[in-house]
Amino acid sequence: MDNNLLSYGPCPVGRGLARAGDTWSMLILRNAGLGDTRFDQFQKNLGIAPNILTRRLAALLEAGMLERRRYSEHPPRDEYLLTEAGRDYLPVLQALGAWAAKHFGGGPISRPVEAETGRAIVPVVVDAGTGIPLTELRITTRLPDAP
């Protein structure tokens, strides 16, 4: 697989997957959206090995989806906060979760709720111009210069 082509090629799906497409990275971003900010929180809540977590955090920092902020000088400790790009990725994860709940949701499964009210939400991806769900549109892709 040509990671350079994925990262900088014409396909935005490839560009996104190259930056946050592996399972651990997506779960780290999910947990950051739920309030985890510290290495030990991610490690404990995800059950991820420290070496893997270190690599994934570094990649998410490099991709601009997380930023590091020092919260203790002695000993030196950092927290990891979502950037605008990271926050904008959270609806993608909610849509992925809705798809998985629909097609692979047997047994107990968590569902998204509005934090303030507890109201269940159903994520749907829509066209911003029309409000039509993408599942109802026939979609193709083209480069901007293509006819």
Protein backbone atom coordinates (compact mmCIF):
# COMPACT_ATOMS: atom_id res chain seq x y z
CA MET A 1 0.00 0.00 0.00
CA ASP A 2 1.37 3.41 -0.97
CA ASN A 3 0.85 5.53 2.16
CA ASN A 4 2.09 8.64 0.35
CA LEU A 5 -0.61 8.20 -2.31
CA LEU A 6 -3.21 7.67 0.41
CA SER A 7 -2.04 10.66 2.45
CA TYR A 8 -1.74 13.12 -0.43
CA GLY A 9 -3.67 11.58 -3.32
CA PRO A 10 -6.90 12.90 -4.77
CA CYS A 11 -9.22 10.71 -2.66
CA PRO A 12 -10.36 12.40 0.57
CA VAL A 13 -11.39 9.02 2.03
CA GLY A 14 -7.84 7.76 1.52
CA ARG A 15 -6.42 10.93 3.06
CA GLY A 16 -8.64 10.55 6.12
CA LEU A 17 -7.95 6.85 6.56
CA ALA A 18 -4.22 7.43 6.29
CA ARG A 19 -4.44 9.74 9.30
CA ALA A 20 -7.06 8.16 11.55
CA GLY A 21 -8.18 4.95 9.90
CA ASP A 22 -6.76 2.31 12.22
CA THR A 23 -8.84 0.93 15.07
CA TRP A 24 -6.69 2.24 17.92
CA SER A 25 -6.53 5.77 16.51
CA MET A 26 -10.30 5.90 16.09
CA LEU A 27 -10.85 4.61 19.62
CA ILE A 28 -8.39 7.15 21.03
CA LEU A 29 -10.27 9.93 19.23
CA ARG A 30 -13.59 8.53 20.47
CA ASN A 31 -12.35 8.52 24.05
CA ALA A 32 -10.89 12.01 23.68
CA GLY A 33 -14.36 13.12 22.58
CA LEU A 34 -15.78 11.49 25.71
CA GLY A 35 -13.33 13.37 27.94
CA ASP A 36 -10.14 11.32 28.23
CA THR A 37 -7.06 13.54 27.97
CA ARG A 38 -4.26 11.74 29.77
CA PHE A 39 -2.07 8.84 28.75
CA ASP A 40 -3.10 6.73 31.75
CA GLN A 41 -6.80 7.36 31.05
CA PHE A 42 -6.46 6.19 27.46
CA GLN A 43 -4.41 3.17 28.53
CA LYS A 44 -6.83 2.11 31.26
CA ASN A 45 -10.08 2.81 29.40
CA LEU A 46 -8.96 1.22 26.14
CA GLY A 47 -6.80 -1.60 27.51
CA ILE A 48 -4.11 -0.59 25.02
CA ALA A 49 -0.43 -1.44 25.43
CA PRO A 50 1.73 1.59 26.30
CA ASN A 51 3.99 1.22 23.26
CA ILE A 52 1.02 1.12 20.87
CA LEU A 53 -0.63 4.07 22.62
CA THR A 54 2.60 6.08 22.37
CA ARG A 55 2.82 5.44 18.61
CA ARG A 56 -0.85 6.23 17.97
CA LEU A 57 -0.74 9.44 20.01
CA ALA A 58 2.37 10.54 18.09
CA ALA A 59 0.63 9.85 14.78
CA LEU A 60 -2.51 11.74 15.83
CA LEU A 61 -0.36 14.67 16.96
CA GLU A 62 1.48 14.65 13.63
CA ALA A 63 -1.82 14.46 11.73
CA GLY A 64 -3.07 17.51 13.63
CA MET A 65 -6.00 15.69 15.23
CA LEU A 66 -4.68 16.03 18.77
CA GLU A 67 -2.51 18.64 20.45
CA ARG A 68 -0.30 18.14 23.48
CA ARG A 69 -0.48 20.42 26.50
CA ARG A 70 1.78 20.19 29.55
CA TYR A 71 -0.18 19.97 32.78
CA SER A 72 2.69 19.12 35.17
CA GLU A 73 6.34 20.15 35.09
CA HIS A 74 7.53 17.90 37.95
CA PRO A 75 7.19 15.19 36.88
CA PRO A 76 6.66 16.26 33.26
CA ARG A 77 3.18 15.18 32.19
CA ASP A 78 1.15 16.08 29.12
CA GLU A 79 -2.49 15.83 28.20
CA TYR A 80 -3.86 15.28 24.73
CA LEU A 81 -6.67 17.50 23.50
CA LEU A 82 -8.74 17.35 20.36
CA THR A 83 -7.93 19.97 17.75
CA GLU A 84 -10.56 21.36 15.39
CA ALA A 85 -9.73 18.50 13.00
CA GLY A 86 -10.16 15.99 15.84
CA ARG A 87 -13.48 17.50 16.95
CA ASP A 88 -14.70 17.49 13.35
CA TYR A 89 -13.92 13.76 13.20
CA LEU A 90 -16.29 12.88 16.06
CA PRO A 91 -19.44 12.89 13.87
CA VAL A 92 -17.66 10.49 11.52
CA LEU A 93 -17.20 8.12 14.46
CA GLN A 94 -20.86 8.56 15.47
CA ALA A 95 -21.94 7.70 11.92
CA LEU A 96 -19.65 4.65 11.93
CA GLY A 97 -21.15 3.61 15.27
CA ALA A 98 -24.71 3.98 13.95
CA TRP A 99 -23.85 1.85 10.94
CA ALA A 100 -22.24 -0.82 13.16
CA ALA A 101 -25.19 -0.80 15.59
CA LYS A 102 -27.60 -1.31 12.68
CA HIS A 103 -25.68 -4.11 10.98
CA PHE A 104 -23.73 -5.72 13.83
CA GLY A 105 -25.69 -4.65 16.91
CA GLY A 106 -26.81 -7.92 18.45
CA GLY A 107 -26.65 -8.08 22.24
CA PRO A 108 -25.88 -5.22 24.59
CA ILE A 109 -24.50 -2.21 22.74
CA SER A 110 -24.01 1.39 23.75
CA ARG A 111 -26.04 4.03 21.96
CA PRO A 112 -25.34 7.76 21.58
CA VAL A 113 -27.36 10.11 23.75
CA GLU A 114 -27.40 13.87 24.16
CA ALA A 115 -25.30 14.52 27.27
CA GLU A 116 -27.53 17.25 28.73
CA THR A 117 -30.90 15.51 28.33
CA GLY A 118 -30.14 11.81 27.88
CA ARG A 119 -32.23 11.87 24.69
CA ALA A 120 -31.24 9.10 22.29
CA ILE A 121 -29.83 10.36 19.01
CA VAL A 122 -29.63 8.65 15.65
CA PRO A 123 -26.65 9.88 13.61
CA VAL A 124 -27.43 10.41 9.93
CA VAL A 125 -25.06 11.82 7.33
CA VAL A 126 -26.80 14.33 5.08
CA ASP A 127 -25.91 16.58 2.18
CA ALA A 128 -25.43 20.04 3.70
CA GLY A 129 -27.00 21.72 0.66
CA THR A 130 -30.25 19.77 0.60
CA GLY A 131 -30.51 17.93 3.92
CA ILE A 132 -31.05 14.68 2.01
CA PRO A 133 -29.46 11.61 3.68
CA LEU A 134 -26.52 10.36 1.63
CA THR A 135 -28.05 6.88 1.65
CA GLU A 136 -30.82 8.29 -0.59
CA LEU A 137 -28.47 9.80 -3.17
CA ARG A 138 -26.66 8.15 -6.05
CA ILE A 139 -23.10 9.34 -5.55
CA THR A 140 -20.02 9.25 -7.72
CA THR A 141 -16.74 11.13 -7.45
CA ARG A 142 -14.76 13.31 -9.80
CA LEU A 143 -11.76 15.56 -9.66
CA PRO A 144 -12.53 19.30 -9.71
CA ASP A 145 -11.17 19.71 -13.27
CA ALA A 146 -13.09 16.72 -14.63
CA PRO A 147 -16.15 17.36 -16.86
